[in-house]
């Protein structure tokens, strides 16, 4: 069954299948005995050149003549179905289960957990799709390698270890894509950002202009293993080429890595999208080619879909000027329609069990929430536990001071690329369920002032124990936002020192952060347990 985007608040609505009506009914496009590639090839053969031009953006146009509705390729599911162009969080699907950020769940080293999270996310995605509130193509996981702890998007990834990241991809991706129906994709996963992408905006260079200089050994040892595993072991059906260049060639124009490695050596059989505006960056930022040549270069290199408007604005002219051949255009479209065939959009409803999933029984269920809780419990990293201070005994410590800039944090715990959660429990609220608490922020996350320190130290001096919650947030790290230091922001380290000195009882220091921070003060303090 096809899903069409009406684009009023990006809400989806069901449309009739093209295979239940002329002109595609009864043709090879609808012949389920044929392969997805054969069916896609027939669909592309029926398109006019003008109709083809509207199909390359992430918001692919409708083709009314063939009863093909519009389709939004861009949906997110990094650690739960997330707010994005192809997802609508409105009644009856206002929430989705929110799992811990990837850098957290990776610390569990639990392959079964990663697979279960993927399975739960895809089930919820299908339940939302069945009421027209989501699509089938999700741009996750992010499997870039952290080479600098100050990188703003490191928290989206499993971390700095190529082996761990490769293993994560091999288990999370099948969870997203595979289920009870071997004929159709449950949803499509996307290995991103391919490749050498690990900076946002640092040292006068941003991700749109960055040219990563990578040796062949570092490429083989560090940058490619996760993508190889994502394709070969995870059987991913999607990939995304990145903003940056590698050794002078923009990733989205790099045929060596897309057609050479992914499709040629690894057997990748899916679609490749650009990151949003990455095709424009090939021309405008990297100055790699003029607009006509850019259209040709990205398509001939193996990219199929442009998250953006560049191909929509320039491809027709490039074809007219004899620069981009129609063979490159048709090959990309065949990859895209092959995906839609694999989603089940040209098949009878009766042959698609995923269409039976319901928001009433499959979305944000108690079991799904328990899985998110399990993920959090298995992933918290205990750096220190002097004197077996943990877990705190409420009888021994009936009063607890909960202080620090993240002590009452809620949305910061979701990181980025998240959907609305049913509820968010801050450290202050959670601890308050067991003991009597006093709260003092001390300073905000940027901690540019020490004016609140007195209240924080006073609370710590009176309580039986203190929980000090410091760290960073998306104010310090995120897309287009790298840090310049791994130190805690502003005066947070001074706040930590003051609270540790003033506290009457043991101090449990909690760092809430996506990226790494310098925690030397807490590590060396005997008061910090």
Protein backbone atom coordinates (compact mmCIF):
# COMPACT_ATOMS: atom_id res chain seq x y z
CA UNK A 1 0.00 0.00 0.00
CA UNK A 2 1.39 3.42 -0.96
CA UNK A 3 1.78 6.31 1.44
CA UNK A 4 1.57 9.85 0.11
CA UNK A 5 2.69 12.99 1.91
CA UNK A 6 0.09 15.73 1.84
CA UNK A 7 2.59 18.10 3.46
CA UNK A 8 0.20 19.94 5.74
CA UNK A 9 2.45 19.77 8.78
CA UNK A 10 4.04 16.81 7.01
CA UNK A 11 1.14 14.49 7.84
CA UNK A 12 0.90 11.29 5.83
CA UNK A 13 -2.23 9.86 4.25
CA UNK A 14 -2.90 6.54 2.62
CA UNK A 15 -3.45 6.44 -1.13
CA UNK A 16 -4.56 3.61 -3.32
CA UNK A 17 -1.87 1.30 -4.62
CA UNK A 18 -0.75 2.04 -8.19
CA UNK A 19 -1.21 -1.67 -8.85
CA UNK A 20 -4.95 -1.58 -8.28
CA UNK A 21 -5.58 0.80 -11.17
CA UNK A 22 -4.44 1.58 -14.69
CA UNK A 23 -1.93 2.12 -16.17
CA UNK A 24 0.37 -0.02 -13.94
CA UNK A 25 -2.20 -2.64 -12.97
CA UNK A 26 -1.29 -5.98 -14.52
CA UNK A 27 2.14 -4.84 -15.68
CA UNK A 28 5.63 -6.00 -14.68
CA UNK A 29 5.62 -3.30 -11.98
CA UNK A 30 2.98 -5.29 -10.12
CA UNK A 31 4.18 -8.81 -10.89
CA UNK A 32 5.27 -10.22 -7.54
CA UNK A 33 7.01 -13.13 -9.26
CA UNK A 34 9.61 -10.73 -10.63
CA UNK A 35 12.55 -9.37 -8.66
CA UNK A 36 12.40 -5.88 -7.14
CA UNK A 37 15.07 -4.81 -9.64
CA UNK A 38 13.00 -6.03 -12.61
CA UNK A 39 9.88 -4.33 -11.32
CA UNK A 40 11.73 -1.08 -10.67
CA UNK A 41 13.25 -1.14 -14.14
CA UNK A 42 9.79 -1.34 -15.68
CA UNK A 43 8.49 1.57 -13.59
CA UNK A 44 11.41 3.77 -14.64
CA UNK A 45 10.84 2.83 -18.28
CA UNK A 46 7.33 4.31 -18.06
CA UNK A 47 8.45 7.72 -16.79
CA UNK A 48 8.92 10.75 -18.99
CA UNK A 49 12.05 12.86 -18.63
CA UNK A 50 10.00 15.64 -17.06
CA UNK A 51 8.51 13.26 -14.50
CA UNK A 52 11.94 11.92 -13.62
CA UNK A 53 13.25 15.36 -12.69
CA UNK A 54 10.96 15.62 -9.66
CA UNK A 55 12.03 12.34 -8.10
CA UNK A 56 15.56 13.14 -6.94
CA UNK A 57 14.96 15.27 -3.86
CA UNK A 58 14.28 13.85 -0.42
CA UNK A 59 10.69 15.01 -1.03
CA UNK A 60 10.11 13.07 -4.25
CA UNK A 61 7.25 14.44 -6.33
CA UNK A 62 4.09 12.57 -7.21
CA UNK A 63 3.57 11.20 -10.72
CA UNK A 64 -0.21 11.46 -11.10
CA UNK A 65 -0.23 9.88 -14.56
CA UNK A 66 1.03 6.60 -13.04
CA UNK A 67 -0.78 7.08 -9.69
CA UNK A 68 2.56 7.35 -7.90
CA UNK A 69 2.17 9.53 -4.79
CA UNK A 70 4.87 11.78 -3.42
CA UNK A 71 7.33 10.20 -1.01
CA UNK A 72 9.49 11.74 1.73
CA UNK A 73 12.75 9.80 2.06
CA UNK A 74 13.94 11.65 5.16
CA UNK A 75 12.92 10.10 8.47
CA UNK A 76 15.07 9.69 11.58
CA UNK A 77 15.38 6.84 14.09
CA UNK A 78 18.75 7.24 15.80
CA UNK A 79 17.52 6.07 19.21
CA UNK A 80 13.78 5.98 18.66
CA UNK A 81 11.45 7.27 15.97
CA UNK A 82 12.41 10.94 15.82
CA UNK A 83 11.03 14.27 14.70
CA UNK A 84 11.94 14.70 11.03
CA UNK A 85 10.45 15.59 7.67
CA UNK A 86 8.79 12.21 7.21
CA UNK A 87 7.43 11.76 10.75
CA UNK A 88 4.40 13.39 12.36
CA UNK A 89 3.93 13.33 16.14
CA UNK A 90 0.26 14.20 16.31
CA UNK A 91 -2.87 12.41 17.44
CA UNK A 92 -3.08 9.41 17.57
CA UNK A 93 0.73 9.08 17.64
CA UNK A 94 1.99 11.93 19.85
CA UNK A 95 4.82 9.90 21.40
CA UNK A 96 7.40 7.22 20.64
CA UNK A 97 9.66 5.26 22.95
CA UNK A 98 12.84 7.22 23.58
CA UNK A 99 15.92 5.06 24.10
CA UNK A 100 19.23 6.32 25.51
CA UNK A 101 21.52 8.13 23.10
CA UNK A 102 23.74 5.76 21.07
CA UNK A 103 27.00 6.62 22.86
CA UNK A 104 25.25 5.37 26.01
CA UNK A 105 23.77 2.11 24.76
CA UNK A 106 27.06 1.27 23.05
CA UNK A 107 28.63 1.20 26.52
CA UNK A 108 26.44 -1.76 27.42
CA UNK A 109 28.43 -3.97 25.00
CA UNK A 110 25.18 -5.93 24.67
CA UNK A 111 24.59 -7.05 21.09
CA UNK A 112 21.21 -8.56 21.93
CA UNK A 113 20.11 -5.25 23.41
CA UNK A 114 21.12 -3.32 20.29
CA UNK A 115 19.12 -5.70 18.13
CA UNK A 116 16.09 -5.48 20.43
CA UNK A 117 16.18 -1.68 20.33
CA UNK A 118 16.28 -1.76 16.53
CA UNK A 119 13.36 -4.17 16.44
CA UNK A 120 11.28 -2.01 18.77
CA UNK A 121 12.02 1.15 16.80
CA UNK A 122 11.01 -0.44 13.51
CA UNK A 123 7.81 -1.84 15.00
CA UNK A 124 6.86 1.61 16.26
CA UNK A 125 7.78 3.14 12.90
CA UNK A 126 5.50 0.72 11.07
CA UNK A 127 2.67 1.36 13.55
CA UNK A 128 2.99 5.08 12.87
CA UNK A 129 3.20 4.49 9.12
CA UNK A 130 -0.05 2.58 9.17
CA UNK A 131 -1.91 5.72 10.25
CA UNK A 132 -0.05 7.88 7.77
CA UNK A 133 2.37 9.43 10.27
CA UNK A 134 5.71 8.00 9.12
CA UNK A 135 7.51 6.55 6.15
CA UNK A 136 9.74 3.56 5.59
CA UNK A 137 13.25 4.99 5.11
CA UNK A 138 15.13 6.01 8.27
CA UNK A 139 18.56 7.63 8.32
CA UNK A 140 20.21 5.68 11.10
CA UNK A 141 22.64 4.51 12.39
CA UNK A 142 25.43 7.07 12.57
CA UNK A 143 28.57 4.91 12.50
CA UNK A 144 31.30 7.49 12.09
CA UNK A 145 34.36 7.07 14.29
CA UNK A 146 35.21 9.65 16.95
CA UNK A 147 38.78 10.78 16.27
CA UNK A 148 38.56 13.89 18.45
CA UNK A 149 36.49 13.93 21.67
CA UNK A 150 35.45 17.52 20.95
CA UNK A 151 33.45 16.53 17.86
CA UNK A 152 29.91 17.81 18.26
CA UNK A 153 28.14 14.70 16.97
CA UNK A 154 30.15 12.01 18.69
CA UNK A 155 27.26 11.22 21.03
CA UNK A 156 25.24 9.97 18.03
CA UNK A 157 27.79 7.22 17.44
CA UNK A 158 28.99 4.11 19.31
CA UNK A 159 32.34 5.83 19.90
CA UNK A 160 35.97 5.74 18.90
CA UNK A 161 36.43 1.99 18.43
CA UNK A 162 36.00 0.67 14.86
CA UNK A 163 35.39 -2.89 16.09
CA UNK A 164 32.65 -1.90 18.55
CA UNK A 165 31.04 0.39 15.96
CA UNK A 166 31.11 -2.35 13.33
CA UNK A 167 29.54 -4.79 15.78
CA UNK A 168 26.85 -2.29 16.71
CA UNK A 169 25.92 -1.80 13.05
CA UNK A 170 25.81 -5.55 12.46
CA UNK A 171 23.13 -5.98 15.14
CA UNK A 172 21.17 -2.72 15.19
CA UNK A 173 20.53 -2.65 11.43
CA UNK A 174 18.89 -6.12 11.14
CA UNK A 175 16.72 -5.13 14.09
CA UNK A 176 15.47 -2.17 12.09
CA UNK A 177 15.05 -3.94 8.78
CA UNK A 178 14.10 -7.55 9.37
CA UNK A 179 11.05 -9.18 10.90
CA UNK A 180 8.32 -11.69 10.29
CA UNK A 181 8.03 -10.90 6.57
CA UNK A 182 11.16 -11.97 4.65
CA UNK A 183 9.82 -10.54 1.40
CA UNK A 184 9.60 -6.92 2.50
CA UNK A 185 11.73 -4.53 4.48
CA UNK A 186 10.25 -3.70 7.84
CA UNK A 187 11.90 -0.29 7.43
CA UNK A 188 15.12 0.75 5.70
CA UNK A 189 18.24 1.55 7.72
CA UNK A 190 20.90 3.94 6.43
CA UNK A 191 24.62 3.68 7.20
CA UNK A 192 25.84 7.25 7.61
CA UNK A 193 27.89 9.39 7.03
CA UNK A 194 30.03 7.73 4.38
CA UNK A 195 32.87 8.52 5.14
CA UNK A 196 35.68 10.29 7.06
CA UNK A 197 33.17 12.63 8.68
CA UNK A 198 34.09 13.75 12.20
CA UNK A 199 34.03 17.52 12.45
CA UNK A 200 31.39 20.25 12.38
CA UNK A 201 32.93 23.69 12.69
CA UNK A 202 36.40 24.01 14.11
CA UNK A 203 39.60 25.91 13.51
CA UNK A 204 38.09 28.06 10.79
CA UNK A 205 36.80 25.09 8.75
CA UNK A 206 33.30 23.64 8.66
CA UNK A 207 31.95 20.30 7.53
CA UNK A 208 30.91 21.65 4.12
CA UNK A 209 34.50 22.59 3.25
CA UNK A 210 36.46 19.98 5.21
CA UNK A 211 38.85 17.74 3.27
CA UNK A 212 39.88 14.77 5.40
CA UNK A 213 43.37 13.56 4.51
CA UNK A 214 43.29 9.82 5.19
CA UNK A 215 46.00 7.26 4.50
CA UNK A 216 45.12 3.92 2.97
CA UNK A 217 45.99 2.16 6.22
CA UNK A 218 43.84 4.48 8.35
CA UNK A 219 41.03 4.10 5.85
CA UNK A 220 41.19 0.32 6.10
CA UNK A 221 41.77 0.17 9.87
CA UNK A 222 39.55 3.00 11.10
CA UNK A 223 37.09 4.53 8.67
CA UNK A 224 35.73 1.69 6.54
CA UNK A 225 35.22 -1.32 8.88
CA UNK A 226 31.94 -0.03 10.33
CA UNK A 227 30.49 0.68 6.88
CA UNK A 228 31.67 -2.68 5.58
CA UNK A 229 29.99 -4.39 8.53
CA UNK A 230 26.83 -2.31 8.16
CA UNK A 231 26.47 -3.47 4.54
CA UNK A 232 27.82 -7.03 4.70
CA UNK A 233 26.77 -8.15 8.18
CA UNK A 234 23.88 -5.77 8.80
CA UNK A 235 22.51 -6.09 5.24
CA UNK A 236 21.69 -2.39 5.20
CA UNK A 237 19.51 -1.13 2.38
CA UNK A 238 20.53 2.52 2.62
CA UNK A 239 23.69 4.62 2.84
CA UNK A 240 24.37 8.34 3.09
CA UNK A 241 27.34 10.15 1.59
CA UNK A 242 28.79 12.88 3.79
CA UNK A 243 29.46 16.61 3.48
CA UNK A 244 33.23 16.39 3.61
CA UNK A 245 35.76 15.46 1.00
CA UNK A 246 38.38 12.75 1.44
CA UNK A 247 41.78 13.34 -0.12
CA UNK A 248 40.34 15.99 -2.40
CA UNK A 249 37.18 14.19 -3.57
CA UNK A 250 33.79 15.11 -2.05
CA UNK A 251 32.17 11.99 -0.62
CA UNK A 252 29.01 12.37 -2.70
CA UNK A 253 31.11 12.44 -5.89
CA UNK A 254 33.40 9.61 -4.83
CA UNK A 255 32.73 6.65 -7.11
CA UNK A 256 35.58 4.72 -5.52
CA UNK A 257 33.73 4.38 -2.22
CA UNK A 258 30.12 4.17 -3.47
CA UNK A 259 30.20 2.16 -6.68
CA UNK A 260 33.64 0.69 -6.03
CA UNK A 261 33.59 -0.43 -2.41
CA UNK A 262 29.91 -0.46 -1.41
CA UNK A 263 28.24 -1.78 -4.54
CA UNK A 264 31.20 -3.48 -6.14
CA UNK A 265 33.20 -5.19 -3.39
CA UNK A 266 30.60 -5.40 -0.62
CA UNK A 267 27.50 -6.23 -2.66
CA UNK A 268 25.40 -3.29 -1.47
CA UNK A 269 21.96 -3.50 -3.07
CA UNK A 270 20.11 -0.41 -1.91
CA UNK A 271 19.95 3.34 -2.36
CA UNK A 272 22.41 6.09 -1.45
CA UNK A 273 21.20 9.51 -0.37
CA UNK A 274 23.28 12.60 0.15
CA UNK A 275 23.32 14.35 3.47
CA UNK A 276 21.15 17.45 3.31
CA UNK A 277 22.71 20.05 1.00
CA UNK A 278 25.80 17.87 0.49
CA UNK A 279 25.30 17.84 -3.29
CA UNK A 280 25.23 21.63 -3.31
CA UNK A 281 28.45 21.53 -1.25
CA UNK A 282 30.21 19.60 -4.03
CA UNK A 283 29.74 22.63 -6.26
CA UNK A 284 29.48 25.61 -3.93
CA UNK A 285 31.83 24.75 -1.06
CA UNK A 286 34.36 22.24 -2.36
CA UNK A 287 34.44 23.95 -5.78
CA UNK A 288 34.90 20.49 -7.22
CA UNK A 289 32.77 20.91 -10.35
CA UNK A 290 30.35 23.30 -12.01
CA UNK A 291 26.59 22.67 -11.62
CA UNK A 292 26.25 20.54 -14.78
CA UNK A 293 29.28 18.45 -13.88
CA UNK A 294 28.18 18.11 -10.26
CA UNK A 295 24.91 16.48 -11.36
CA UNK A 296 26.83 14.04 -13.52
CA UNK A 297 29.57 13.36 -10.99
CA UNK A 298 27.31 12.47 -8.05
CA UNK A 299 25.00 10.23 -10.09
CA UNK A 300 27.81 8.43 -11.90
CA UNK A 301 29.60 7.96 -8.57
CA UNK A 302 26.63 6.03 -7.21
CA UNK A 303 24.49 8.54 -5.32
CA UNK A 304 20.75 8.20 -6.00
CA UNK A 305 18.87 10.82 -3.99
CA UNK A 306 19.68 14.44 -3.14
CA UNK A 307 18.53 15.62 0.28
CA UNK A 308 18.10 19.14 -0.97
CA UNK A 309 17.23 21.01 -4.12
CA UNK A 310 20.43 20.98 -6.18
CA UNK A 311 19.48 18.22 -8.62
CA UNK A 312 15.98 19.59 -8.87
CA UNK A 313 17.40 22.94 -9.92
CA UNK A 314 20.23 21.81 -12.20
CA UNK A 315 19.73 18.25 -13.46
CA UNK A 316 17.42 19.06 -16.36
CA UNK A 317 19.87 21.64 -17.71
CA UNK A 318 22.78 19.26 -17.25
CA UNK A 319 20.96 16.65 -19.33
CA UNK A 320 20.02 19.20 -21.99
CA UNK A 321 23.64 20.32 -22.20
CA UNK A 322 24.73 16.75 -22.83
CA UNK A 323 26.72 16.49 -19.59
CA UNK A 324 24.66 14.03 -17.52
CA UNK A 325 23.64 10.89 -19.46
CA UNK A 326 20.16 9.46 -19.05
CA UNK A 327 21.72 6.12 -18.14
CA UNK A 328 22.99 7.65 -14.89
CA UNK A 329 19.57 9.17 -14.21
CA UNK A 330 17.76 5.88 -14.82
CA UNK A 331 20.19 3.83 -12.74
CA UNK A 332 19.59 6.08 -9.72
CA UNK A 333 15.82 5.95 -10.17
CA UNK A 334 15.91 2.17 -10.45
CA UNK A 335 17.64 2.02 -7.08
CA UNK A 336 14.97 4.27 -5.57
CA UNK A 337 11.98 2.40 -6.99
CA UNK A 338 13.57 -0.91 -6.09
CA UNK A 339 13.43 0.30 -2.49
CA UNK A 340 9.77 1.21 -2.77
CA UNK A 341 9.03 -2.24 -4.15
CA UNK A 342 10.85 -3.74 -1.18
CA UNK A 343 8.75 -1.58 1.16
CA UNK A 344 5.69 -3.33 -0.27
CA UNK A 345 4.19 -0.27 -1.92
CA UNK A 346 3.31 -2.15 -5.12
CA UNK A 347 2.08 -5.34 -3.45
CA UNK A 348 -1.32 -6.55 -2.20
CA UNK A 349 -2.21 -5.58 1.35
CA UNK A 350 -2.94 -9.22 2.15
CA UNK A 351 0.72 -10.10 1.59
CA UNK A 352 2.07 -7.54 4.06
CA UNK A 353 1.88 -8.46 7.76
CA UNK A 354 3.58 -5.20 8.76
CA UNK A 355 0.39 -3.38 7.75
CA UNK A 356 -1.30 -5.06 10.74
CA UNK A 357 0.85 -3.17 13.26
CA UNK A 358 -1.16 -0.69 15.29
CA UNK A 359 -0.41 2.36 17.38
CA UNK A 360 -2.87 0.93 19.91
CA UNK A 361 -0.82 -2.21 20.57
CA UNK A 362 2.70 -1.54 19.29
CA UNK A 363 3.61 2.10 19.98
CA UNK A 364 5.22 3.28 23.22
CA UNK A 365 4.01 0.21 25.09
CA UNK A 366 4.93 -0.64 28.70
CA UNK A 367 7.21 -3.39 27.36
CA UNK A 368 8.97 -0.90 25.08
CA UNK A 369 9.45 1.51 27.98
CA UNK A 370 10.90 -1.30 30.09
CA UNK A 371 13.38 -2.04 27.30
CA UNK A 372 14.44 1.62 27.33
CA UNK A 373 14.89 1.37 31.11
CA UNK A 374 16.93 -1.79 30.70
CA UNK A 375 19.12 -0.02 28.14
CA UNK A 376 19.75 2.84 30.56
CA UNK A 377 20.57 0.52 33.44
CA UNK A 378 22.99 -1.57 31.40
CA UNK A 379 24.73 1.42 29.88
CA UNK A 380 25.52 3.73 32.80
CA UNK A 381 29.27 3.74 33.38
CA UNK A 382 30.44 3.69 37.00
CA UNK A 383 33.83 5.37 37.13
CA UNK A 384 34.34 5.24 40.85
CA UNK A 385 32.76 3.56 43.88
CA UNK A 386 35.03 4.12 46.85
CA UNK A 387 33.91 2.25 49.93
CA UNK A 388 31.07 0.64 48.01
CA UNK A 389 29.08 3.85 48.39
CA UNK A 390 26.63 2.79 45.70
CA UNK A 391 23.81 2.05 45.88
CA UNK A 392 22.82 4.72 48.42
CA UNK A 393 20.81 3.37 51.35
CA UNK A 394 17.79 5.66 51.94
CA UNK A 395 17.84 4.76 55.63
CA UNK A 396 21.46 5.79 56.02
CA UNK A 397 21.05 8.91 53.89
CA UNK A 398 17.48 10.18 54.39
CA UNK A 399 18.28 13.67 53.08
CA UNK A 400 20.09 14.25 49.79
CA UNK A 401 21.17 17.52 48.21
CA UNK A 402 20.69 17.36 44.46
CA UNK A 403 22.76 20.13 42.93
CA UNK A 404 24.39 21.15 39.68
CA UNK A 405 23.41 22.49 36.26
CA UNK A 406 22.03 19.13 35.09
CA UNK A 407 20.42 18.13 38.37
CA UNK A 408 16.95 18.96 37.11
CA UNK A 409 17.62 18.30 33.42
CA UNK A 410 15.03 16.56 31.26
CA UNK A 411 15.22 17.07 27.49
CA UNK A 412 19.02 17.23 27.60
CA UNK A 413 18.94 13.50 28.41
CA UNK A 414 17.52 12.79 24.95
CA UNK A 415 20.52 14.19 23.12
CA UNK A 416 19.49 14.94 19.53
CA UNK A 417 17.37 13.30 16.82
CA UNK A 418 14.65 12.31 19.27
CA UNK A 419 10.89 12.14 19.35
CA UNK A 420 8.57 13.30 22.14
CA UNK A 421 8.68 10.97 25.12
CA UNK A 422 5.64 10.26 27.28
CA UNK A 423 7.53 11.53 30.30
CA UNK A 424 11.04 12.63 31.29
CA UNK A 425 12.30 12.08 34.82
CA UNK A 426 15.11 14.37 35.95
CA UNK A 427 17.70 13.25 38.53
CA UNK A 428 16.00 15.51 41.08
CA UNK A 429 12.59 13.96 40.48
CA UNK A 430 13.92 10.42 40.48
CA UNK A 431 15.91 10.76 43.70
CA UNK A 432 12.98 12.54 45.32
CA UNK A 433 10.91 9.37 45.04
CA UNK A 434 13.15 7.70 47.65
CA UNK A 435 14.46 10.40 49.99
CA UNK A 436 13.92 14.01 51.02
CA UNK A 437 15.77 16.32 48.64
CA UNK A 438 17.03 19.87 48.56
CA UNK A 439 17.83 21.40 45.20
CA UNK A 440 20.25 24.09 44.10
CA UNK A 441 21.30 24.57 40.48
CA UNK A 442 24.58 26.30 41.36
CA UNK A 443 24.80 27.64 37.82
CA UNK A 444 23.28 27.00 34.43
CA UNK A 445 24.96 24.68 31.91
CA UNK A 446 27.24 27.42 30.59
CA UNK A 447 28.16 28.33 34.19
CA UNK A 448 29.33 31.86 33.45
CA UNK A 449 28.55 33.07 36.98
CA UNK A 450 29.34 31.82 40.50
CA UNK A 451 26.44 33.69 42.09
CA UNK A 452 24.53 30.47 42.76
CA UNK A 453 27.43 28.59 44.34
CA UNK A 454 26.51 29.60 47.90
CA UNK A 455 23.11 27.93 47.68
CA UNK A 456 24.69 24.76 46.29
CA UNK A 457 27.37 24.54 48.98
CA UNK A 458 24.84 25.30 51.71
CA UNK A 459 22.59 22.46 50.52
CA UNK A 460 25.56 20.07 50.41
CA UNK A 461 26.69 21.09 53.91
CA UNK A 462 23.31 20.23 55.43
CA UNK A 463 22.37 17.01 53.62
CA UNK A 464 23.37 13.47 54.57
CA UNK A 465 24.65 12.93 51.02
CA UNK A 466 25.00 15.00 47.86
CA UNK A 467 24.40 14.15 44.23
CA UNK A 468 26.21 16.68 42.04
CA UNK A 469 25.13 16.54 38.38
CA UNK A 470 27.41 18.39 35.99
CA UNK A 471 28.15 18.04 32.30
CA UNK A 472 27.28 19.53 28.95
CA UNK A 473 24.27 19.79 26.67
CA UNK A 474 23.42 20.52 23.07
CA UNK A 475 24.42 24.12 23.80
CA UNK A 476 28.05 22.94 23.83
CA UNK A 477 27.94 20.14 21.23
CA UNK A 478 25.82 19.26 18.24
CA UNK A 479 25.55 19.77 14.51
CA UNK A 480 27.79 22.64 13.38
CA UNK A 481 29.00 22.95 16.96
CA UNK A 482 32.31 21.38 18.00
CA UNK A 483 33.85 22.12 21.38
CA UNK A 484 37.29 23.68 21.71
CA UNK A 485 38.07 21.90 24.99
CA UNK A 486 37.07 18.81 26.96
CA UNK A 487 36.92 20.87 30.16
CA UNK A 488 33.56 21.31 31.83
CA UNK A 489 31.93 24.57 30.69
CA UNK A 490 32.56 27.83 32.50
CA UNK A 491 32.95 27.55 36.25
CA UNK A 492 31.56 24.02 36.59
CA UNK A 493 34.88 22.64 37.80
CA UNK A 494 35.00 25.35 40.47
CA UNK A 495 31.43 24.45 41.45
CA UNK A 496 32.50 20.84 41.80
CA UNK A 497 35.46 21.80 44.00
CA UNK A 498 33.30 24.04 46.20
CA UNK A 499 30.59 21.41 46.70
CA UNK A 500 33.14 18.67 47.42
CA UNK A 501 34.77 20.87 50.06
CA UNK A 502 31.51 21.91 51.74
CA UNK A 503 29.62 18.60 51.72
CA UNK A 504 28.79 16.99 55.06
CA UNK A 505 28.44 13.52 53.61
CA UNK A 506 29.62 11.61 50.56
CA UNK A 507 29.27 13.26 47.17
CA UNK A 508 28.12 11.26 44.16
CA UNK A 509 29.31 13.13 41.09
CA UNK A 510 27.30 12.41 37.95
CA UNK A 511 28.35 13.64 34.54
CA UNK A 512 25.57 14.00 32.01
CA UNK A 513 27.21 14.47 28.64
CA UNK A 514 27.43 13.05 25.17
CA UNK A 515 31.07 13.83 24.54
CA UNK A 516 34.03 13.20 26.83
CA UNK A 517 34.85 15.67 29.61
CA UNK A 518 37.80 16.08 31.95
CA UNK A 519 36.75 14.60 35.29
CA UNK A 520 40.09 14.80 37.10
CA UNK A 521 38.78 16.79 40.09
CA UNK A 522 36.16 14.18 40.96
CA UNK A 523 38.51 11.31 40.30
CA UNK A 524 41.14 12.63 42.72
CA UNK A 525 38.84 13.89 45.47
CA UNK A 526 38.36 11.50 48.43
CA UNK A 527 34.99 13.16 49.05
CA UNK A 528 33.73 12.12 45.62
CA UNK A 529 32.64 8.53 45.88
